[in-house]
């Protein structure tokens, strides 16, 4: 009996050892599979990040090329004409056009079907077709009162409260660090970089006021005149201090033939209306260039402010600042 018990104990030990080995093998296999799955996920994530970065970089270069093309158009226009109006080539927007065939072109220049879907749209806009709020930085009181009256008329046309223009002007002059001797000390020491209308919210300007002035005002780096060949009738009426009927007559006349000089406006204006070249002009030096690139499920938008300087062969177009934002079409 004792002889039979020994083999049984040995067999039981072997069974327990085999079970432990099997359990250890299962644990090892589970650990290996988990690590392998993690490595595969990290690799896939790295590939996705790289693809997104490549698409973003590619989109940025395309928009940069579109901006350079716009600058070329504006430079050529400045060399051949000293008048800017809505009938010129720069004023024609680019409808969304497919660029996928160029991005996915093969060695022989033949488009491949598996290339990314890319579409580009853009436009050049006269930044001086709207009233420039920077004009409120007039150095002398008389000029400031004139600009404030213009802004008041714009606010009234937009249906804003009577005090909207005064509050806006005071906030902007404070933000732009008024240095006049008559300005309070606290106004001379608080500069704020306000470059877009949306940023007026930093100055506690209500969203309703900002929205109402979007179509008629803008903020440029320096004071500028309004281009009578591109400004809407509301802006013309406010700057020239005429009623909307007279401003509409000016708009209709320029549609037939753009104004080549300010004297052409005189017969259409009430007697005694003054045309100050510092406040109205027939040409533009600041333009807004907007571009929109749709690449598969991503959209990249860019907005640039450019300025044109010089005449003849000395014309140059410089980019003052650029803003870019990315959108995801898959988001709800």
Protein backbone atom coordinates (compact mmCIF):
# COMPACT_ATOMS: atom_id res chain seq x y z
CA UNK A 1 0.00 0.00 0.00
CA UNK A 2 2.84 2.36 0.85
CA UNK A 3 4.46 1.57 -2.48
CA UNK A 4 1.27 2.56 -4.33
CA UNK A 5 0.87 5.86 -2.40
CA UNK A 6 4.28 7.17 -3.45
CA UNK A 7 3.53 7.15 -7.22
CA UNK A 8 0.19 8.81 -6.59
CA UNK A 9 1.81 11.65 -4.66
CA UNK A 10 4.38 12.06 -7.40
CA UNK A 11 1.60 12.13 -10.01
CA UNK A 12 -0.29 14.77 -8.00
CA UNK A 13 2.84 16.92 -7.75
CA UNK A 14 3.43 16.62 -11.47
CA UNK A 15 -0.19 17.63 -12.16
CA UNK A 16 0.12 20.73 -9.96
CA UNK A 17 3.40 21.66 -11.62
CA UNK A 18 1.86 21.24 -15.08
CA UNK A 19 -1.12 23.40 -14.06
CA UNK A 20 1.16 26.11 -12.72
CA UNK A 21 3.25 26.03 -15.88
CA UNK A 22 0.11 26.30 -18.00
CA UNK A 23 -1.16 29.22 -15.92
CA UNK A 24 2.21 30.95 -16.17
CA UNK A 25 2.20 30.43 -19.94
CA UNK A 26 -1.29 31.93 -20.20
CA UNK A 27 -0.22 34.95 -18.16
CA UNK A 28 2.86 35.40 -20.33
CA UNK A 29 0.79 35.13 -23.52
CA UNK A 30 -1.73 37.66 -22.17
CA UNK A 31 1.04 40.08 -21.26
CA UNK A 32 2.67 39.72 -24.67
CA UNK A 33 -0.65 40.25 -26.49
CA UNK A 34 -1.39 43.33 -24.36
CA UNK A 35 2.02 44.83 -25.05
CA UNK A 36 1.73 44.02 -28.75
CA UNK A 37 -1.73 45.61 -28.93
CA UNK A 38 -0.42 48.73 -27.19
CA UNK A 39 2.50 48.96 -29.59
CA UNK A 40 0.17 48.56 -32.58
CA UNK A 41 -2.16 51.28 -31.22
CA UNK A 42 0.76 53.63 -30.64
CA UNK A 43 2.01 52.99 -34.15
CA UNK A 44 -1.42 53.65 -35.65
CA UNK A 45 -1.73 56.82 -33.57
CA UNK A 46 1.69 58.00 -34.72
CA UNK A 47 0.66 57.37 -38.33
CA UNK A 48 -2.56 59.37 -37.84
CA UNK A 49 -0.67 62.27 -36.24
CA UNK A 50 1.89 62.25 -39.03
CA UNK A 51 -0.84 62.18 -41.69
CA UNK A 52 -2.68 65.07 -40.00
CA UNK A 53 0.54 67.09 -39.72
CA UNK A 54 1.37 66.39 -43.37
CA UNK A 55 -2.13 67.49 -44.45
CA UNK A 56 -1.88 70.64 -42.31
CA UNK A 57 1.54 71.50 -43.70
CA UNK A 58 0.39 70.83 -47.26
CA UNK A 59 -2.70 73.01 -46.75
CA UNK A 60 -0.60 75.82 -45.30
CA UNK A 61 1.74 75.84 -48.28
CA UNK A 62 -1.18 75.91 -50.70
CA UNK A 63 -2.77 78.87 -48.90
CA UNK A 64 0.59 80.62 -48.82
CA UNK A 65 0.84 80.13 -52.58
CA UNK A 66 -2.66 81.54 -52.99
CA UNK A 67 -1.66 84.61 -50.95
CA UNK A 68 1.42 85.14 -53.11
CA UNK A 69 -0.74 84.88 -56.22
CA UNK A 70 -3.12 87.50 -54.79
CA UNK A 71 -0.22 89.81 -54.07
CA UNK A 72 0.96 89.41 -57.65
CA UNK A 73 -2.50 90.35 -58.95
CA UNK A 74 -2.59 93.44 -56.75
CA UNK A 75 0.93 94.44 -57.74
CA UNK A 76 0.15 94.22 -61.44
CA UNK A 77 -3.06 96.18 -60.91
CA UNK A 78 -1.13 98.91 -59.08
CA UNK A 79 1.34 99.18 -61.95
CA UNK A 80 -1.33 99.70 -64.59
CA UNK A 81 -4.01 101.72 -62.79
CA UNK A 82 -4.35 104.36 -60.09
CA UNK A 83 -8.06 103.70 -59.59
CA UNK A 84 -9.57 100.76 -57.69
CA UNK A 85 -13.13 99.62 -58.31
CA UNK A 86 -15.27 96.48 -58.19
CA UNK A 87 -14.89 95.83 -61.92
CA UNK A 88 -11.18 95.01 -61.76
CA UNK A 89 -9.76 91.45 -61.87
CA UNK A 90 -8.73 91.47 -58.20
CA UNK A 91 -12.36 92.00 -57.17
CA UNK A 92 -13.54 88.74 -58.80
CA UNK A 93 -13.71 86.01 -56.14
CA UNK A 94 -12.42 82.50 -56.81
CA UNK A 95 -15.22 79.98 -56.50
CA UNK A 96 -14.34 76.66 -54.90
CA UNK A 97 -12.13 74.83 -57.39
CA UNK A 98 -10.81 71.29 -57.17
CA UNK A 99 -7.06 70.95 -56.72
CA UNK A 100 -6.93 67.20 -56.07
CA UNK A 101 -5.74 66.46 -59.58
CA UNK A 102 -2.65 68.61 -59.02
CA UNK A 103 -1.89 67.31 -55.55
CA UNK A 104 -2.16 63.66 -56.62
CA UNK A 105 -0.48 63.92 -60.01
CA UNK A 106 1.72 60.98 -60.95
CA UNK A 107 5.13 60.99 -62.58
CA UNK A 108 3.66 61.60 -66.03
CA UNK A 109 1.38 64.37 -64.82
CA UNK A 110 -1.66 62.07 -64.88
CA UNK A 111 -3.94 62.35 -61.88
CA UNK A 112 -4.32 59.29 -59.69
CA UNK A 113 -7.75 58.42 -58.36
CA UNK A 114 -6.49 57.67 -54.85
CA UNK A 115 -5.26 61.23 -54.27
CA UNK A 116 -6.73 63.49 -51.55
CA UNK A 117 -9.80 65.58 -52.27
CA UNK A 118 -8.71 69.22 -52.10
CA UNK A 119 -10.74 72.32 -52.97
CA UNK A 120 -9.62 75.96 -52.84
CA UNK A 121 -11.71 79.13 -52.68
CA UNK A 122 -10.67 82.72 -52.07
CA UNK A 123 -11.34 86.40 -52.54
CA UNK A 124 -9.67 89.81 -52.38
CA UNK A 125 -11.66 92.53 -50.66
CA UNK A 126 -11.10 96.27 -50.52
CA UNK A 127 -10.39 96.95 -46.84
CA UNK A 128 -11.06 100.65 -47.40
CA UNK A 129 -14.59 100.08 -48.58
CA UNK A 130 -15.60 100.37 -44.91
CA UNK A 131 -15.03 103.13 -42.38
CA UNK A 132 -11.71 102.71 -40.60
CA UNK A 133 -12.10 103.07 -36.85
CA UNK A 134 -8.42 104.00 -36.66
CA UNK A 135 -9.50 107.41 -38.01
CA UNK A 136 -10.73 108.16 -34.50
CA UNK A 137 -7.07 108.60 -33.51
CA UNK A 138 -7.06 112.07 -35.07
CA UNK A 139 -4.44 114.17 -33.25
CA UNK A 140 -6.49 117.36 -32.92
CA UNK A 141 -9.88 117.82 -31.35
CA UNK A 142 -11.60 119.26 -34.42
CA UNK A 143 -10.70 116.27 -36.59
CA UNK A 144 -11.74 113.89 -33.82
CA UNK A 145 -15.17 115.50 -33.55
CA UNK A 146 -15.58 115.11 -37.32
CA UNK A 147 -14.73 111.41 -37.18
CA UNK A 148 -16.93 110.89 -34.14
CA UNK A 149 -19.84 112.46 -36.04
CA UNK A 150 -19.20 110.04 -38.91
CA UNK A 151 -19.23 107.06 -36.54
CA UNK A 152 -22.41 108.38 -34.91
CA UNK A 153 -24.16 108.44 -38.29
CA UNK A 154 -23.02 104.87 -38.99
CA UNK A 155 -24.32 103.72 -35.61
CA UNK A 156 -27.64 105.45 -36.20
CA UNK A 157 -28.00 103.79 -39.60
CA UNK A 158 -27.25 100.41 -37.98
CA UNK A 159 -29.99 101.01 -35.39
CA UNK A 160 -27.65 101.27 -32.40
CA UNK A 161 -28.32 103.38 -29.26
CA UNK A 162 -27.36 107.09 -29.45
CA UNK A 163 -24.43 106.67 -27.05
CA UNK A 164 -22.89 103.69 -28.90
CA UNK A 165 -20.48 105.81 -30.97
CA UNK A 166 -19.23 107.79 -27.98
CA UNK A 167 -18.63 104.69 -25.88
CA UNK A 168 -16.88 102.93 -28.75
CA UNK A 169 -14.67 105.91 -29.56
CA UNK A 170 -13.69 106.39 -25.93
CA UNK A 171 -12.84 102.71 -25.52
CA UNK A 172 -10.73 102.62 -28.68
CA UNK A 173 -8.78 105.77 -27.85
CA UNK A 174 -8.04 104.31 -24.43
CA UNK A 175 -6.98 100.98 -25.93
CA UNK A 176 -4.71 102.61 -28.50
CA UNK A 177 -2.89 104.65 -25.87
CA UNK A 178 -3.91 108.21 -26.50
CA UNK A 179 -0.87 110.45 -26.04
CA UNK A 180 -2.47 113.87 -26.39
CA UNK A 181 -1.68 116.31 -23.62
CA UNK A 182 -5.35 116.61 -22.76
CA UNK A 183 -5.82 112.86 -22.27
CA UNK A 184 -6.08 111.61 -18.68
CA UNK A 185 -2.98 109.84 -17.31
CA UNK A 186 -4.78 106.50 -17.00
CA UNK A 187 -5.60 106.62 -20.74
CA UNK A 188 -1.96 107.09 -21.69
CA UNK A 189 -0.75 103.92 -19.99
CA UNK A 190 -3.06 101.13 -21.11
CA UNK A 191 -2.35 100.04 -24.70
CA UNK A 192 -4.32 97.07 -26.07
CA UNK A 193 -3.62 95.41 -29.43
CA UNK A 194 -7.03 95.76 -31.09
CA UNK A 195 -6.76 94.71 -34.74
CA UNK A 196 -10.16 93.14 -35.48
CA UNK A 197 -13.73 94.10 -34.72
CA UNK A 198 -14.25 90.88 -32.76
CA UNK A 199 -11.60 92.03 -30.31
CA UNK A 200 -13.76 94.99 -29.31
CA UNK A 201 -15.31 92.57 -26.83
CA UNK A 202 -12.11 93.00 -24.80
CA UNK A 203 -13.19 96.61 -24.27
CA UNK A 204 -16.64 95.59 -22.96
CA UNK A 205 -18.36 96.47 -26.24
CA UNK A 206 -21.58 94.48 -26.55
CA UNK A 207 -21.73 91.68 -29.18
CA UNK A 208 -24.80 93.34 -30.68
CA UNK A 209 -22.85 96.53 -31.37
CA UNK A 210 -19.95 94.61 -32.92
CA UNK A 211 -22.29 92.58 -35.12
CA UNK A 212 -24.20 95.66 -36.28
CA UNK A 213 -20.99 97.40 -37.38
CA UNK A 214 -19.42 94.43 -39.19
CA UNK A 215 -20.63 95.50 -42.63
CA UNK A 216 -19.70 99.17 -42.35
CA UNK A 217 -16.53 99.44 -40.24
CA UNK A 218 -13.09 97.90 -40.00
CA UNK A 219 -9.81 98.38 -38.13
CA UNK A 220 -6.63 99.05 -40.12
CA UNK A 221 -3.11 99.81 -38.86
CA UNK A 222 -3.30 103.54 -39.71
CA UNK A 223 -5.94 106.14 -40.66
CA UNK A 224 -7.21 105.70 -44.23
CA UNK A 225 -9.77 107.34 -46.54
CA UNK A 226 -12.86 105.52 -47.76
CA UNK A 227 -12.79 104.39 -51.38
CA UNK A 228 -15.88 105.90 -53.05
CA UNK A 229 -15.66 103.28 -55.82
CA UNK A 230 -16.25 100.34 -53.47
CA UNK A 231 -17.91 101.67 -50.29
CA UNK A 232 -21.58 100.77 -49.66
CA UNK A 233 -24.11 103.56 -49.62
CA UNK A 234 -24.37 103.58 -45.79
CA UNK A 235 -20.65 104.31 -45.48
CA UNK A 236 -20.75 106.96 -48.21
CA UNK A 237 -23.68 108.70 -46.55
CA UNK A 238 -21.90 108.75 -43.17
CA UNK A 239 -18.52 109.96 -44.45
CA UNK A 240 -19.90 112.60 -46.84
CA UNK A 241 -22.70 113.60 -44.43
CA UNK A 242 -25.46 113.15 -47.03
CA UNK A 243 -28.70 111.21 -46.98
CA UNK A 244 -29.03 107.66 -48.26
CA UNK A 245 -30.76 108.84 -51.44
CA UNK A 246 -27.71 110.85 -52.50
CA UNK A 247 -25.42 107.98 -51.55
CA UNK A 248 -27.49 105.58 -53.64
CA UNK A 249 -27.15 107.92 -56.61
CA UNK A 250 -23.38 107.81 -56.19
CA UNK A 251 -23.43 104.01 -56.15
CA UNK A 252 -25.56 103.79 -59.28
CA UNK A 253 -23.30 106.22 -61.13
CA UNK A 254 -20.11 104.29 -60.32
CA UNK A 255 -21.73 101.07 -61.53
CA UNK A 256 -21.98 102.66 -64.96
CA UNK A 257 -18.48 104.12 -64.80
CA UNK A 258 -16.06 104.17 -61.85
CA UNK A 259 -14.91 107.53 -60.57
CA UNK A 260 -11.51 108.54 -61.95
CA UNK A 261 -11.18 111.60 -59.71
CA UNK A 262 -13.07 113.16 -56.83
CA UNK A 263 -14.28 116.08 -58.96
CA UNK A 264 -16.66 113.69 -60.72
CA UNK A 265 -18.65 113.40 -57.50
CA UNK A 266 -19.30 117.13 -57.15
CA UNK A 267 -22.31 117.37 -59.54
CA UNK A 268 -23.99 114.49 -57.69
CA UNK A 269 -23.60 115.99 -54.20
CA UNK A 270 -25.54 118.77 -52.45
CA UNK A 271 -24.03 122.20 -52.86
CA UNK A 272 -21.34 122.95 -50.32
CA UNK A 273 -20.37 119.31 -49.69
CA UNK A 274 -16.61 119.13 -49.06
CA UNK A 275 -14.48 116.33 -50.50
CA UNK A 276 -11.45 115.87 -48.28
CA UNK A 277 -8.79 113.61 -49.89
CA UNK A 278 -7.83 112.49 -46.39
CA UNK A 279 -11.33 111.07 -45.88
CA UNK A 280 -12.43 109.93 -49.35
CA UNK A 281 -10.41 108.60 -52.28
CA UNK A 282 -10.69 106.68 -55.57
CA UNK A 283 -7.90 104.18 -54.84
CA UNK A 284 -7.02 101.73 -52.10
CA UNK A 285 -3.85 100.76 -50.30
CA UNK A 286 -5.18 98.04 -47.95
CA UNK A 287 -6.78 94.77 -49.03
CA UNK A 288 -8.12 91.71 -47.23
CA UNK A 289 -7.16 88.38 -48.80
CA UNK A 290 -9.19 85.37 -47.66
CA UNK A 291 -8.57 81.75 -48.58
CA UNK A 292 -10.35 78.51 -47.75
CA UNK A 293 -8.87 75.07 -48.42
CA UNK A 294 -10.96 71.93 -47.99
CA UNK A 295 -8.77 68.83 -47.84
CA UNK A 296 -10.80 65.65 -47.34
CA UNK A 297 -12.59 66.17 -43.97
CA UNK A 298 -10.49 69.15 -42.89
CA UNK A 299 -10.98 72.85 -43.67
CA UNK A 300 -8.25 75.45 -43.27
CA UNK A 301 -9.20 79.12 -43.49
CA UNK A 302 -6.78 82.03 -43.69
CA UNK A 303 -7.34 85.79 -43.63
CA UNK A 304 -4.52 88.19 -44.46
CA UNK A 305 -4.26 91.96 -44.49
CA UNK A 306 -1.93 93.33 -47.17
CA UNK A 307 -0.89 96.84 -48.08
CA UNK A 308 0.16 98.15 -51.49
CA UNK A 309 2.79 100.87 -51.72
CA UNK A 310 4.55 102.75 -54.48
CA UNK A 311 3.67 103.51 -58.08
CA UNK A 312 4.61 102.19 -61.50
CA UNK A 313 7.38 99.61 -61.48
CA UNK A 314 8.07 100.41 -57.83
CA UNK A 315 4.79 98.95 -56.57
CA UNK A 316 5.14 96.41 -53.79
CA UNK A 317 2.52 94.48 -51.83
CA UNK A 318 3.41 93.60 -48.23
CA UNK A 319 1.61 91.26 -45.84
CA UNK A 320 0.85 93.01 -42.55
CA UNK A 321 -0.60 90.08 -40.64
CA UNK A 322 -2.17 86.66 -41.21
CA UNK A 323 -4.72 84.69 -39.23
CA UNK A 324 -5.48 81.01 -39.72
CA UNK A 325 -7.97 78.60 -38.23
CA UNK A 326 -8.66 74.91 -38.77
CA UNK A 327 -12.09 73.27 -38.85
CA UNK A 328 -13.09 69.60 -38.69
CA UNK A 329 -16.08 68.71 -40.87
CA UNK A 330 -16.66 65.53 -38.85
CA UNK A 331 -17.53 67.46 -35.71
CA UNK A 332 -21.27 67.59 -34.87
